[in-house]
PDB file of N, CA and C in Angstrom:
ATOM      1  N   UNK A   1       4.502  12.765  -2.338  1.00  0.00           N
ATOM      2  CA  UNK A   1       5.481  13.401  -1.514  1.00  0.00           C
ATOM      3  C   UNK A   1       6.209  12.369  -0.651  1.00  0.00           C
ATOM      4  N   UNK A   2       5.461  11.453  -0.005  1.00  0.00           N
ATOM      5  CA  UNK A   2       6.096  10.467   0.859  1.00  0.00           C
ATOM      6  C   UNK A   2       6.952   9.492   0.057  1.00  0.00           C
ATOM      7  N   UNK A   3       6.558   9.210  -1.168  1.00  0.00           N
ATOM      8  CA  UNK A   3       7.379   8.331  -2.012  1.00  0.00           C
ATOM      9  C   UNK A   3       8.727   8.985  -2.273  1.00  0.00           C
ATOM     10  N   UNK A   4       8.729  10.268  -2.594  1.00  0.00           N
ATOM     11  CA  UNK A   4       9.992  10.974  -2.821  1.00  0.00           C
ATOM     12  C   UNK A   4      10.845  10.997  -1.555  1.00  0.00           C
ATOM     13  N   UNK A   5      10.190  11.136  -0.414  1.00  0.00           N
ATOM     14  CA  UNK A   5      10.913  11.097   0.861  1.00  0.00           C
ATOM     15  C   UNK A   5      11.645   9.764   1.012  1.00  0.00           C
ATOM     16  N   UNK A   6      10.925   8.661   0.782  1.00  0.00           N
ATOM     17  CA  UNK A   6      11.550   7.343   0.909  1.00  0.00           C
ATOM     18  C   UNK A   6      12.660   7.142  -0.111  1.00  0.00           C
ATOM     19  N   UNK A   7      12.459   7.601  -1.322  1.00  0.00           N
ATOM     20  CA  UNK A   7      13.508   7.467  -2.338  1.00  0.00           C
ATOM     21  C   UNK A   7      14.742   8.284  -1.962  1.00  0.00           C
ATOM     22  N   UNK A   8      14.537   9.422  -1.322  1.00  0.00           N
ATOM     23  CA  UNK A   8      15.669  10.269  -0.932  1.00  0.00           C
ATOM     24  C   UNK A   8      16.502   9.639   0.181  1.00  0.00           C
ATOM     25  N   UNK A   9      15.846   8.969   1.117  1.00  0.00           N
ATOM     26  CA  UNK A   9      16.617   8.397   2.225  1.00  0.00           C
ATOM     27  C   UNK A   9      17.035   6.947   1.981  1.00  0.00           C
ATOM     28  N   UNK A  10      16.429   6.299   1.009  1.00  0.00           N
ATOM     29  CA  UNK A  10      16.797   4.920   0.651  1.00  0.00           C
ATOM     30  C   UNK A  10      17.376   4.949  -0.765  1.00  0.00           C
ATOM     31  N   UNK A  11      18.601   5.390  -0.862  1.00  0.00           N
ATOM     32  CA  UNK A  11      19.209   5.591  -2.182  1.00  0.00           C
ATOM     33  C   UNK A  11      19.336   4.293  -2.969  1.00  0.00           C
ATOM     34  N   UNK A  12      19.466   3.159  -2.291  1.00  0.00           N
ATOM     35  CA  UNK A  12      19.515   1.879  -2.997  1.00  0.00           C
ATOM     36  C   UNK A  12      18.196   1.601  -3.709  1.00  0.00           C
ATOM     37  N   UNK A  13      17.088   1.930  -3.060  1.00  0.00           N
ATOM     38  CA  UNK A  13      15.763   1.762  -3.668  1.00  0.00           C
ATOM     39  C   UNK A  13      15.617   2.729  -4.838  1.00  0.00           C
ATOM     40  N   UNK A  14      16.047   3.971  -4.651  1.00  0.00           N
ATOM     41  CA  UNK A  14      15.989   4.974  -5.719  1.00  0.00           C
ATOM     42  C   UNK A  14      16.790   4.517  -6.932  1.00  0.00           C
ATOM     43  N   UNK A  15      17.989   4.007  -6.687  1.00  0.00           N
ATOM     44  CA  UNK A  15      18.828   3.525  -7.794  1.00  0.00           C
ATOM     45  C   UNK A  15      18.143   2.394  -8.550  1.00  0.00           C
ATOM     46  N   UNK A  16      17.495   1.493  -7.808  1.00  0.00           N
ATOM     47  CA  UNK A  16      16.817   0.364  -8.459  1.00  0.00           C
ATOM     48  C   UNK A  16      15.618   0.836  -9.287  1.00  0.00           C
ATOM     49  N   UNK A  17      14.869   1.799  -8.765  1.00  0.00           N
ATOM     50  CA  UNK A  17      13.738   2.358  -9.522  1.00  0.00           C
ATOM     51  C   UNK A  17      14.240   3.035 -10.791  1.00  0.00           C
ATOM     52  N   UNK A  18      15.284   3.827 -10.665  1.00  0.00           N
ATOM     53  CA  UNK A  18      15.828   4.524 -11.841  1.00  0.00           C
ATOM     54  C   UNK A  18      16.328   3.525 -12.887  1.00  0.00           C
ATOM     55  N   UNK A  19      16.965   2.457 -12.438  1.00  0.00           N
ATOM     56  CA  UNK A  19      17.446   1.434 -13.367  1.00  0.00           C
ATOM     57  C   UNK A  19      16.276   0.743 -14.064  1.00  0.00           C
ATOM     58  N   UNK A  20      15.222   0.463 -13.305  1.00  0.00           N
ATOM     59  CA  UNK A  20      14.043  -0.169 -13.893  1.00  0.00           C
ATOM     60  C   UNK A  20      13.415   0.738 -14.955  1.00  0.00           C
ATOM     61  N   UNK A  21      13.324   2.020 -14.670  1.00  0.00           N
ATOM     62  CA  UNK A  21      12.776   2.970 -15.646  1.00  0.00           C
ATOM     63  C   UNK A  21      13.653   2.999 -16.892  1.00  0.00           C
ATOM     64  N   UNK A  22      14.959   3.101 -16.709  1.00  0.00           N
ATOM     65  CA  UNK A  22      15.879   3.112 -17.855  1.00  0.00           C
ATOM     66  C   UNK A  22      15.772   1.828 -18.672  1.00  0.00           C
ATOM     67  N   UNK A  23      15.725   0.682 -17.990  1.00  0.00           N
ATOM     68  CA  UNK A  23      15.677  -0.610 -18.681  1.00  0.00           C
ATOM     69  C   UNK A  23      14.374  -0.820 -19.443  1.00  0.00           C
ATOM     70  N   UNK A  24      13.266  -0.343 -18.879  1.00  0.00           N
ATOM     71  CA  UNK A  24      11.959  -0.625 -19.470  1.00  0.00           C
ATOM     72  C   UNK A  24      11.425   0.475 -20.373  1.00  0.00           C
ATOM     73  N   UNK A  25      11.787   1.709 -20.093  1.00  0.00           N
ATOM     74  CA  UNK A  25      11.262   2.812 -20.898  1.00  0.00           C
ATOM     75  C   UNK A  25      12.307   3.418 -21.818  1.00  0.00           C
ATOM     76  N   UNK A  26      13.558   3.374 -21.402  1.00  0.00           N
ATOM     77  CA  UNK A  26      14.596   4.000 -22.215  1.00  0.00           C
ATOM     78  C   UNK A  26      14.280   5.466 -22.414  1.00  0.00           C
ATOM     79  N   UNK A  27      14.194   5.890 -23.659  1.00  0.00           N
ATOM     80  CA  UNK A  27      13.899   7.295 -23.985  1.00  0.00           C
ATOM     81  C   UNK A  27      12.415   7.528 -24.260  1.00  0.00           C
ATOM     82  N   UNK A  28      11.599   6.463 -24.133  1.00  0.00           N
ATOM     83  CA  UNK A  28      10.158   6.611 -24.379  1.00  0.00           C
ATOM     84  C   UNK A  28       9.507   7.439 -23.274  1.00  0.00           C
ATOM     85  N   UNK A  29       8.472   8.168 -23.638  1.00  0.00           N
ATOM     86  CA  UNK A  29       7.667   8.843 -22.634  1.00  0.00           C
ATOM     87  C   UNK A  29       6.791   7.805 -21.947  1.00  0.00           C
ATOM     88  N   UNK A  30       6.583   7.942 -20.644  1.00  0.00           N
ATOM     89  CA  UNK A  30       5.706   6.985 -19.966  1.00  0.00           C
ATOM     90  C   UNK A  30       4.279   7.120 -20.476  1.00  0.00           C
ATOM     91  N   UNK A  31       3.620   5.996 -20.644  1.00  0.00           N
ATOM     92  CA  UNK A  31       2.205   5.994 -21.000  1.00  0.00           C
ATOM     93  C   UNK A  31       1.521   4.855 -20.249  1.00  0.00           C
ATOM     94  N   UNK A  32       0.229   4.746 -20.441  1.00  0.00           N
ATOM     95  CA  UNK A  32      -0.567   3.767 -19.696  1.00  0.00           C
ATOM     96  C   UNK A  32      -0.028   2.353 -19.850  1.00  0.00           C
ATOM     97  N   UNK A  33       0.374   1.990 -21.045  1.00  0.00           N
ATOM     98  CA  UNK A  33       0.826   0.622 -21.295  1.00  0.00           C
ATOM     99  C   UNK A  33       2.229   0.349 -20.769  1.00  0.00           C
ATOM    100  N   UNK A  34       3.168   1.253 -21.008  1.00  0.00           N
ATOM    101  CA  UNK A  34       4.542   0.922 -20.636  1.00  0.00           C
ATOM    102  C   UNK A  34       4.835   1.092 -19.143  1.00  0.00           C
ATOM    103  N   UNK A  35       4.026   1.857 -18.421  1.00  0.00           N
ATOM    104  CA  UNK A  35       4.290   1.949 -16.981  1.00  0.00           C
ATOM    105  C   UNK A  35       3.913   0.659 -16.259  1.00  0.00           C
ATOM    106  N   UNK A  36       3.120  -0.194 -16.903  1.00  0.00           N
ATOM    107  CA  UNK A  36       2.776  -1.489 -16.302  1.00  0.00           C
ATOM    108  C   UNK A  36       4.003  -2.377 -16.142  1.00  0.00           C
ATOM    109  N   UNK A  37       5.072  -2.076 -16.865  1.00  0.00           N
ATOM    110  CA  UNK A  37       6.294  -2.875 -16.769  1.00  0.00           C
ATOM    111  C   UNK A  37       7.144  -2.483 -15.564  1.00  0.00           C
ATOM    112  N   UNK A  38       6.787  -1.407 -14.891  1.00  0.00           N
ATOM    113  CA  UNK A  38       7.587  -0.899 -13.772  1.00  0.00           C
ATOM    114  C   UNK A  38       7.102  -1.521 -12.457  1.00  0.00           C
ATOM    115  N   UNK A  39       7.328  -2.815 -12.306  1.00  0.00           N
ATOM    116  CA  UNK A  39       6.800  -3.552 -11.157  1.00  0.00           C
ATOM    117  C   UNK A  39       7.467  -3.154  -9.840  1.00  0.00           C
ATOM    118  N   UNK A  40       8.760  -2.900  -9.865  1.00  0.00           N
ATOM    119  CA  UNK A  40       9.421  -2.503  -8.617  1.00  0.00           C
ATOM    120  C   UNK A  40       8.951  -1.117  -8.187  1.00  0.00           C
ATOM    121  N   UNK A  41       8.790  -0.207  -9.133  1.00  0.00           N
ATOM    122  CA  UNK A  41       8.288   1.119  -8.787  1.00  0.00           C
ATOM    123  C   UNK A  41       6.886   1.004  -8.182  1.00  0.00           C
ATOM    124  N   UNK A  42       6.079   0.105  -8.705  1.00  0.00           N
ATOM    125  CA  UNK A  42       4.748  -0.107  -8.141  1.00  0.00           C
ATOM    126  C   UNK A  42       4.852  -0.608  -6.692  1.00  0.00           C
ATOM    127  N   UNK A  43       5.802  -1.508  -6.426  1.00  0.00           N
ATOM    128  CA  UNK A  43       5.995  -1.993  -5.055  1.00  0.00           C
ATOM    129  C   UNK A  43       6.418  -0.858  -4.129  1.00  0.00           C
ATOM    130  N   UNK A  44       7.251   0.050  -4.622  1.00  0.00           N
ATOM    131  CA  UNK A  44       7.688   1.204  -3.822  1.00  0.00           C
ATOM    132  C   UNK A  44       6.484   2.084  -3.477  1.00  0.00           C
ATOM    133  N   UNK A  45       5.639   2.341  -4.449  1.00  0.00           N
ATOM    134  CA  UNK A  45       4.448   3.169  -4.218  1.00  0.00           C
ATOM    135  C   UNK A  45       3.498   2.473  -3.247  1.00  0.00           C
ATOM    136  N   UNK A  46       3.278   1.166  -3.426  1.00  0.00           N
ATOM    137  CA  UNK A  46       2.388   0.424  -2.530  1.00  0.00           C
ATOM    138  C   UNK A  46       2.918   0.401  -1.099  1.00  0.00           C
ATOM    139  N   UNK A  47       4.228   0.233  -0.951  1.00  0.00           N
ATOM    140  CA  UNK A  47       4.818   0.229   0.390  1.00  0.00           C
ATOM    141  C   UNK A  47       4.688   1.602   1.031  1.00  0.00           C
ATOM    142  N   UNK A  48       4.850   2.660   0.256  1.00  0.00           N
ATOM    143  CA  UNK A  48       4.658   4.007   0.788  1.00  0.00           C
ATOM    144  C   UNK A  48       3.213   4.192   1.234  1.00  0.00           C
ATOM    145  N   UNK A  49       2.271   3.697   0.446  1.00  0.00           N
ATOM    146  CA  UNK A  49       0.857   3.813   0.805  1.00  0.00           C
ATOM    147  C   UNK A  49       0.516   2.975   2.035  1.00  0.00           C
ATOM    148  N   UNK A  50       1.245   1.886   2.241  1.00  0.00           N
ATOM    149  CA  UNK A  50       1.025   1.084   3.447  1.00  0.00           C
ATOM    150  C   UNK A  50       1.435   1.883   4.683  1.00  0.00           C
ATOM    151  N   UNK A  51       2.581   2.524   4.619  1.00  0.00           N
ATOM    152  CA  UNK A  51       3.095   3.266   5.769  1.00  0.00           C
ATOM    153  C   UNK A  51       2.359   4.594   5.955  1.00  0.00           C
ATOM    154  N   UNK A  52       2.034   5.251   4.861  1.00  0.00           N
ATOM    155  CA  UNK A  52       1.342   6.539   4.896  1.00  0.00           C
ATOM    156  C   UNK A  52       0.050   6.443   4.083  1.00  0.00           C
ATOM    157  N   UNK A  53      -0.986   5.780   4.627  1.00  0.00           N
ATOM    158  CA  UNK A  53      -2.220   5.614   3.850  1.00  0.00           C
ATOM    159  C   UNK A  53      -2.918   6.948   3.593  1.00  0.00           C
ATOM    160  N   UNK A  54      -3.612   7.012   2.475  1.00  0.00           N
ATOM    161  CA  UNK A  54      -4.359   8.227   2.133  1.00  0.00           C
ATOM    162  C   UNK A  54      -5.469   8.487   3.156  1.00  0.00           C
ATOM    163  N   UNK A  55      -6.024   7.429   3.691  1.00  0.00           N
ATOM    164  CA  UNK A  55      -7.044   7.539   4.734  1.00  0.00           C
ATOM    165  C   UNK A  55      -6.647   6.609   5.871  1.00  0.00           C
ATOM    166  N   UNK A  56      -6.637   7.120   7.088  1.00  0.00           N
ATOM    167  CA  UNK A  56      -6.231   6.277   8.215  1.00  0.00           C
ATOM    168  C   UNK A  56      -7.355   5.366   8.682  1.00  0.00           C
ATOM    169  N   UNK A  57      -8.574   5.696   8.263  1.00  0.00           N
ATOM    170  CA  UNK A  57      -9.704   4.824   8.582  1.00  0.00           C
ATOM    171  C   UNK A  57     -10.771   4.978   7.507  1.00  0.00           C
ATOM    172  N   UNK A  58     -11.600   3.964   7.422  1.00  0.00           N
ATOM    173  CA  UNK A  58     -12.723   3.981   6.492  1.00  0.00           C
ATOM    174  C   UNK A  58     -13.965   3.658   7.303  1.00  0.00           C
ATOM    175  N   UNK A  59     -14.980   4.469   7.173  1.00  0.00           N
ATOM    176  CA  UNK A  59     -16.247   4.215   7.855  1.00  0.00           C
ATOM    177  C   UNK A  59     -17.253   3.662   6.860  1.00  0.00           C
ATOM    178  N   UNK A  60     -18.024   2.692   7.321  1.00  0.00           N
ATOM    179  CA  UNK A  60     -19.092   2.108   6.518  1.00  0.00           C
ATOM    180  C   UNK A  60     -20.336   1.998   7.393  1.00  0.00           C
ATOM    181  N   UNK A  61     -21.490   1.975   6.761  1.00  0.00           N
ATOM    182  CA  UNK A  61     -22.746   1.776   7.471  1.00  0.00           C
ATOM    183  C   UNK A  61     -23.258   0.394   7.105  1.00  0.00           C
ATOM    184  N   UNK A  62     -23.526  -0.410   8.134  1.00  0.00           N
ATOM    185  CA  UNK A  62     -24.009  -1.774   7.900  1.00  0.00           C
ATOM    186  C   UNK A  62     -25.344  -1.717   7.163  1.00  0.00           C
ATOM    187  N   UNK A  63     -25.413  -2.413   6.033  1.00  0.00           N
ATOM    188  CA  UNK A  63     -26.638  -2.402   5.218  1.00  0.00           C
ATOM    189  C   UNK A  63     -27.646  -3.450   5.683  1.00  0.00           C
ATOM    190  N   UNK A  64     -27.201  -4.333   6.582  1.00  0.00           N
ATOM    191  CA  UNK A  64     -28.092  -5.359   7.134  1.00  0.00           C
ATOM    192  C   UNK A  64     -27.501  -5.823   8.459  1.00  0.00           C
ATOM    193  N   UNK A  65     -28.305  -6.506   9.248  1.00  0.00           N
ATOM    194  CA  UNK A  65     -27.799  -7.108  10.480  1.00  0.00           C
ATOM    195  C   UNK A  65     -26.806  -8.199  10.108  1.00  0.00           C
ATOM    196  N   UNK A  66     -25.713  -8.261  10.841  1.00  0.00           N
ATOM    197  CA  UNK A  66     -24.701  -9.279  10.561  1.00  0.00           C
ATOM    198  C   UNK A  66     -23.982  -9.619  11.869  1.00  0.00           C
ATOM    199  N   UNK A  67     -23.523 -10.861  11.951  1.00  0.00           N
ATOM    200  CA  UNK A  67     -22.721 -11.290  13.089  1.00  0.00           C
ATOM    201  C   UNK A  67     -21.362 -11.716  12.571  1.00  0.00           C
ATOM    202  N   UNK A  68     -20.322 -11.134  13.132  1.00  0.00           N
ATOM    203  CA  UNK A  68     -18.946 -11.488  12.771  1.00  0.00           C
ATOM    204  C   UNK A  68     -18.297 -12.040  14.034  1.00  0.00           C
ATOM    205  N   UNK A  69     -17.990 -13.337  14.010  1.00  0.00           N
ATOM    206  CA  UNK A  69     -17.500 -13.982  15.226  1.00  0.00           C
ATOM    207  C   UNK A  69     -18.606 -13.945  16.259  1.00  0.00           C
ATOM    208  N   UNK A  70     -18.352 -13.346  17.396  1.00  0.00           N
ATOM    209  CA  UNK A  70     -19.399 -13.208  18.416  1.00  0.00           C
ATOM    210  C   UNK A  70     -19.877 -11.758  18.548  1.00  0.00           C
ATOM    211  N   UNK A  71     -19.589 -10.940  17.545  1.00  0.00           N
ATOM    212  CA  UNK A  71     -19.990  -9.532  17.559  1.00  0.00           C
ATOM    213  C   UNK A  71     -21.182  -9.334  16.627  1.00  0.00           C
ATOM    214  N   UNK A  72     -22.266  -8.808  17.201  1.00  0.00           N
ATOM    215  CA  UNK A  72     -23.453  -8.520  16.397  1.00  0.00           C
ATOM    216  C   UNK A  72     -23.412  -7.063  15.952  1.00  0.00           C
ATOM    217  N   UNK A  73     -23.605  -6.859  14.659  1.00  0.00           N
ATOM    218  CA  UNK A  73     -23.609  -5.513  14.091  1.00  0.00           C
ATOM    219  C   UNK A  73     -24.995  -5.279  13.503  1.00  0.00           C
ATOM    220  N   UNK A  74     -25.771  -4.377  14.108  1.00  0.00           N
ATOM    221  CA  UNK A  74     -27.115  -4.136  13.593  1.00  0.00           C
ATOM    222  C   UNK A  74     -27.098  -3.259  12.336  1.00  0.00           C
ATOM    223  N   UNK A  75     -28.111  -3.446  11.523  1.00  0.00           N
ATOM    224  CA  UNK A  75     -28.271  -2.606  10.334  1.00  0.00           C
ATOM    225  C   UNK A  75     -28.256  -1.132  10.765  1.00  0.00           C
ATOM    226  N   UNK A  76     -27.519  -0.308  10.004  1.00  0.00           N
ATOM    227  CA  UNK A  76     -27.449   1.120  10.284  1.00  0.00           C
ATOM    228  C   UNK A  76     -26.284   1.538  11.166  1.00  0.00           C
ATOM    229  N   UNK A  77     -25.618   0.569  11.785  1.00  0.00           N
ATOM    230  CA  UNK A  77     -24.482   0.904  12.652  1.00  0.00           C
ATOM    231  C   UNK A  77     -23.287   1.344  11.806  1.00  0.00           C
ATOM    232  N   UNK A  78     -22.573   2.353  12.277  1.00  0.00           N
ATOM    233  CA  UNK A  78     -21.345   2.782  11.613  1.00  0.00           C
ATOM    234  C   UNK A  78     -20.222   1.849  12.047  1.00  0.00           C
ATOM    235  N   UNK A  79     -19.538   1.291  11.072  1.00  0.00           N
ATOM    236  CA  UNK A  79     -18.429   0.378  11.328  1.00  0.00           C
ATOM    237  C   UNK A  79     -17.153   1.072  10.871  1.00  0.00           C
ATOM    238  N   UNK A  80     -16.183   1.139  11.765  1.00  0.00           N
ATOM    239  CA  UNK A  80     -14.910   1.794  11.473  1.00  0.00           C
ATOM    240  C   UNK A  80     -13.868   0.744  11.135  1.00  0.00           C
ATOM    241  N   UNK A  81     -13.207   0.900   9.988  1.00  0.00           N
ATOM    242  CA  UNK A  81     -12.115   0.016   9.580  1.00  0.00           C
ATOM    243  C   UNK A  81     -10.823   0.810   9.764  1.00  0.00           C
ATOM    244  N   UNK A  82      -9.989   0.438  10.742  1.00  0.00           N
ATOM    245  CA  UNK A  82      -8.771   1.204  11.024  1.00  0.00           C
ATOM    246  C   UNK A  82      -7.625   0.845  10.078  1.00  0.00           C
ATOM    247  N   UNK A  83      -7.701   1.345   8.860  1.00  0.00           N
ATOM    248  CA  UNK A  83      -6.731   1.007   7.816  1.00  0.00           C
ATOM    249  C   UNK A  83      -5.300   1.246   8.277  1.00  0.00           C
ATOM    250  N   UNK A  84      -5.040   2.404   8.844  1.00  0.00           N
ATOM    251  CA  UNK A  84      -3.689   2.729   9.286  1.00  0.00           C
ATOM    252  C   UNK A  84      -3.152   1.741  10.301  1.00  0.00           C
ATOM    253  N   UNK A  85      -3.992   1.326  11.241  1.00  0.00           N
ATOM    254  CA  UNK A  85      -3.562   0.367  12.260  1.00  0.00           C
ATOM    255  C   UNK A  85      -3.335  -1.012  11.656  1.00  0.00           C
ATOM    256  N   UNK A  86      -4.211  -1.435  10.764  1.00  0.00           N
ATOM    257  CA  UNK A  86      -4.067  -2.752  10.129  1.00  0.00           C
ATOM    258  C   UNK A  86      -2.766  -2.819   9.341  1.00  0.00           C
ATOM    259  N   UNK A  87      -2.461  -1.765   8.630  1.00  0.00           N
ATOM    260  CA  UNK A  87      -1.272  -1.758   7.777  1.00  0.00           C
ATOM    261  C   UNK A  87       0.032  -1.629   8.553  1.00  0.00           C
ATOM    262  N   UNK A  88      -0.064  -1.399   9.846  1.00  0.00           N
ATOM    263  CA  UNK A  88       1.135  -1.340  10.692  1.00  0.00           C
ATOM    264  C   UNK A  88       1.124  -2.458  11.739  1.00  0.00           C
ATOM    265  N   UNK A  89       0.254  -3.439  11.565  1.00  0.00           N
ATOM    266  CA  UNK A  89       0.122  -4.546  12.514  1.00  0.00           C
ATOM    267  C   UNK A  89       1.240  -5.558  12.298  1.00  0.00           C
ATOM    268  N   UNK A  90       2.090  -5.792  13.316  1.00  0.00           N
ATOM    269  CA  UNK A  90       3.204  -6.732  13.147  1.00  0.00           C
ATOM    270  C   UNK A  90       2.760  -8.170  12.901  1.00  0.00           C
ATOM    271  N   UNK A  91       1.500  -8.475  13.172  1.00  0.00           N
ATOM    272  CA  UNK A  91       0.996  -9.816  12.852  1.00  0.00           C
ATOM    273  C   UNK A  91       1.023 -10.055  11.342  1.00  0.00           C
ATOM    274  N   UNK A  92       0.799  -9.004  10.580  1.00  0.00           N
ATOM    275  CA  UNK A  92       0.773  -9.112   9.120  1.00  0.00           C
ATOM    276  C   UNK A  92       2.043  -8.583   8.468  1.00  0.00           C
ATOM    277  N   UNK A  93       2.691  -7.636   9.110  1.00  0.00           N
ATOM    278  CA  UNK A  93       3.867  -6.975   8.545  1.00  0.00           C
ATOM    279  C   UNK A  93       5.016  -7.055   9.541  1.00  0.00           C
ATOM    280  N   UNK A  94       5.875  -8.056   9.428  1.00  0.00           N
ATOM    281  CA  UNK A  94       7.030  -8.096  10.330  1.00  0.00           C
ATOM    282  C   UNK A  94       7.821  -6.790  10.186  1.00  0.00           C
ATOM    283  N   UNK A  95       8.193  -6.213  11.292  1.00  0.00           N
ATOM    284  CA  UNK A  95       8.927  -4.944  11.301  1.00  0.00           C
ATOM    285  C   UNK A  95       8.160  -3.872  10.513  1.00  0.00           C
ATOM    286  N   UNK A  96       6.933  -3.548  10.952  1.00  0.00           N
ATOM    287  CA  UNK A  96       6.048  -2.679  10.170  1.00  0.00           C
ATOM    288  C   UNK A  96       6.557  -1.262   9.935  1.00  0.00           C
ATOM    289  N   UNK A  97       7.463  -0.781  10.776  1.00  0.00           N
ATOM    290  CA  UNK A  97       7.988   0.575  10.592  1.00  0.00           C
ATOM    291  C   UNK A  97       9.076   0.643   9.531  1.00  0.00           C
ATOM    292  N   UNK A  98       9.562  -0.508   9.114  1.00  0.00           N
ATOM    293  CA  UNK A  98      10.642  -0.548   8.126  1.00  0.00           C
ATOM    294  C   UNK A  98      10.072  -0.377   6.715  1.00  0.00           C
ATOM    295  N   UNK A  99      10.689   0.505   5.949  1.00  0.00           N
ATOM    296  CA  UNK A  99      10.318   0.688   4.545  1.00  0.00           C
ATOM    297  C   UNK A  99      10.955  -0.436   3.739  1.00  0.00           C
ATOM    298  N   UNK A 100      10.125  -1.362   3.247  1.00  0.00           N
ATOM    299  CA  UNK A 100      10.613  -2.535   2.525  1.00  0.00           C
ATOM    300  C   UNK A 100       9.681  -2.828   1.351  1.00  0.00           C
ATOM    301  N   UNK A 101       9.973  -2.285   0.169  1.00  0.00           N
ATOM    302  CA  UNK A 101       9.100  -2.501  -0.985  1.00  0.00           C
ATOM    303  C   UNK A 101       8.846  -3.976  -1.292  1.00  0.00           C
ATOM    304  N   UNK A 102       9.798  -4.849  -0.976  1.00  0.00           N
ATOM    305  CA  UNK A 102       9.624  -6.279  -1.243  1.00  0.00           C
ATOM    306  C   UNK A 102       8.503  -6.878  -0.397  1.00  0.00           C
ATOM    307  N   UNK A 103       8.193  -6.277   0.742  1.00  0.00           N
ATOM    308  CA  UNK A 103       7.184  -6.848   1.636  1.00  0.00           C
ATOM    309  C   UNK A 103       5.787  -6.819   1.030  1.00  0.00           C
ATOM    310  N   UNK A 104       5.532  -5.930   0.092  1.00  0.00           N
ATOM    311  CA  UNK A 104       4.187  -5.845  -0.487  1.00  0.00           C
ATOM    312  C   UNK A 104       3.883  -7.009  -1.410  1.00  0.00           C
ATOM    313  N   UNK A 105       4.902  -7.770  -1.807  1.00  0.00           N
ATOM    314  CA  UNK A 105       4.659  -8.927  -2.667  1.00  0.00           C
ATOM    315  C   UNK A 105       3.977 -10.067  -1.929  1.00  0.00           C
ATOM    316  N   UNK A 106       4.043 -10.052  -0.616  1.00  0.00           N
ATOM    317  CA  UNK A 106       3.526 -11.155   0.189  1.00  0.00           C
ATOM    318  C   UNK A 106       2.002 -11.183   0.192  1.00  0.00           C
ATOM    319  N   UNK A 107       1.354 -10.026   0.130  1.00  0.00           N
ATOM    320  CA  UNK A 107      -0.088  -9.931   0.301  1.00  0.00           C
ATOM    321  C   UNK A 107      -0.779  -9.417  -0.954  1.00  0.00           C
ATOM    322  N   UNK A 108      -2.051  -9.821  -1.093  1.00  0.00           N
ATOM    323  CA  UNK A 108      -2.923  -9.145  -2.038  1.00  0.00           C
ATOM    324  C   UNK A 108      -3.256  -7.814  -1.381  1.00  0.00           C
ATOM    325  N   UNK A 109      -3.035  -6.730  -2.059  1.00  0.00           N
ATOM    326  CA  UNK A 109      -3.132  -5.421  -1.419  1.00  0.00           C
ATOM    327  C   UNK A 109      -4.466  -4.727  -1.630  1.00  0.00           C
ATOM    328  N   UNK A 110      -5.522  -5.486  -1.777  1.00  0.00           N
ATOM    329  CA  UNK A 110      -6.823  -4.880  -2.001  1.00  0.00           C
ATOM    330  C   UNK A 110      -7.244  -3.991  -0.843  1.00  0.00           C
ATOM    331  N   UNK A 111      -6.741  -4.275   0.356  1.00  0.00           N
ATOM    332  CA  UNK A 111      -7.151  -3.488   1.510  1.00  0.00           C
ATOM    333  C   UNK A 111      -6.423  -2.171   1.607  1.00  0.00           C
ATOM    334  N   UNK A 112      -5.419  -1.925   0.779  1.00  0.00           N
ATOM    335  CA  UNK A 112      -4.675  -0.668   0.872  1.00  0.00           C
ATOM    336  C   UNK A 112      -5.487   0.493   0.408  1.00  0.00           C
TER     337      UNK A 112
END
């Protein structure tokens, strides 16, 4: 839903996605193999997920005692990873409120 929202208000991005689909798929039906060629569309989806993550936080339970920097985390402690906040942090994303599919190329997006 949020991807369609961004495509509706960013018509230049929508036009580029449509052109990429036409250029790479033509009249073929999308399948597992040929959608891999839609790299710009993937960037659009990843950027949408950055701005509107499926989960705003992830909780984990420490499986062992660990020290990160000067913070001690005992085994069994619940650790909260604020995904939504990280993905909007201007330290990592200049102008984080701006929808910019090109920005996702800068990072490995394993944390998304």
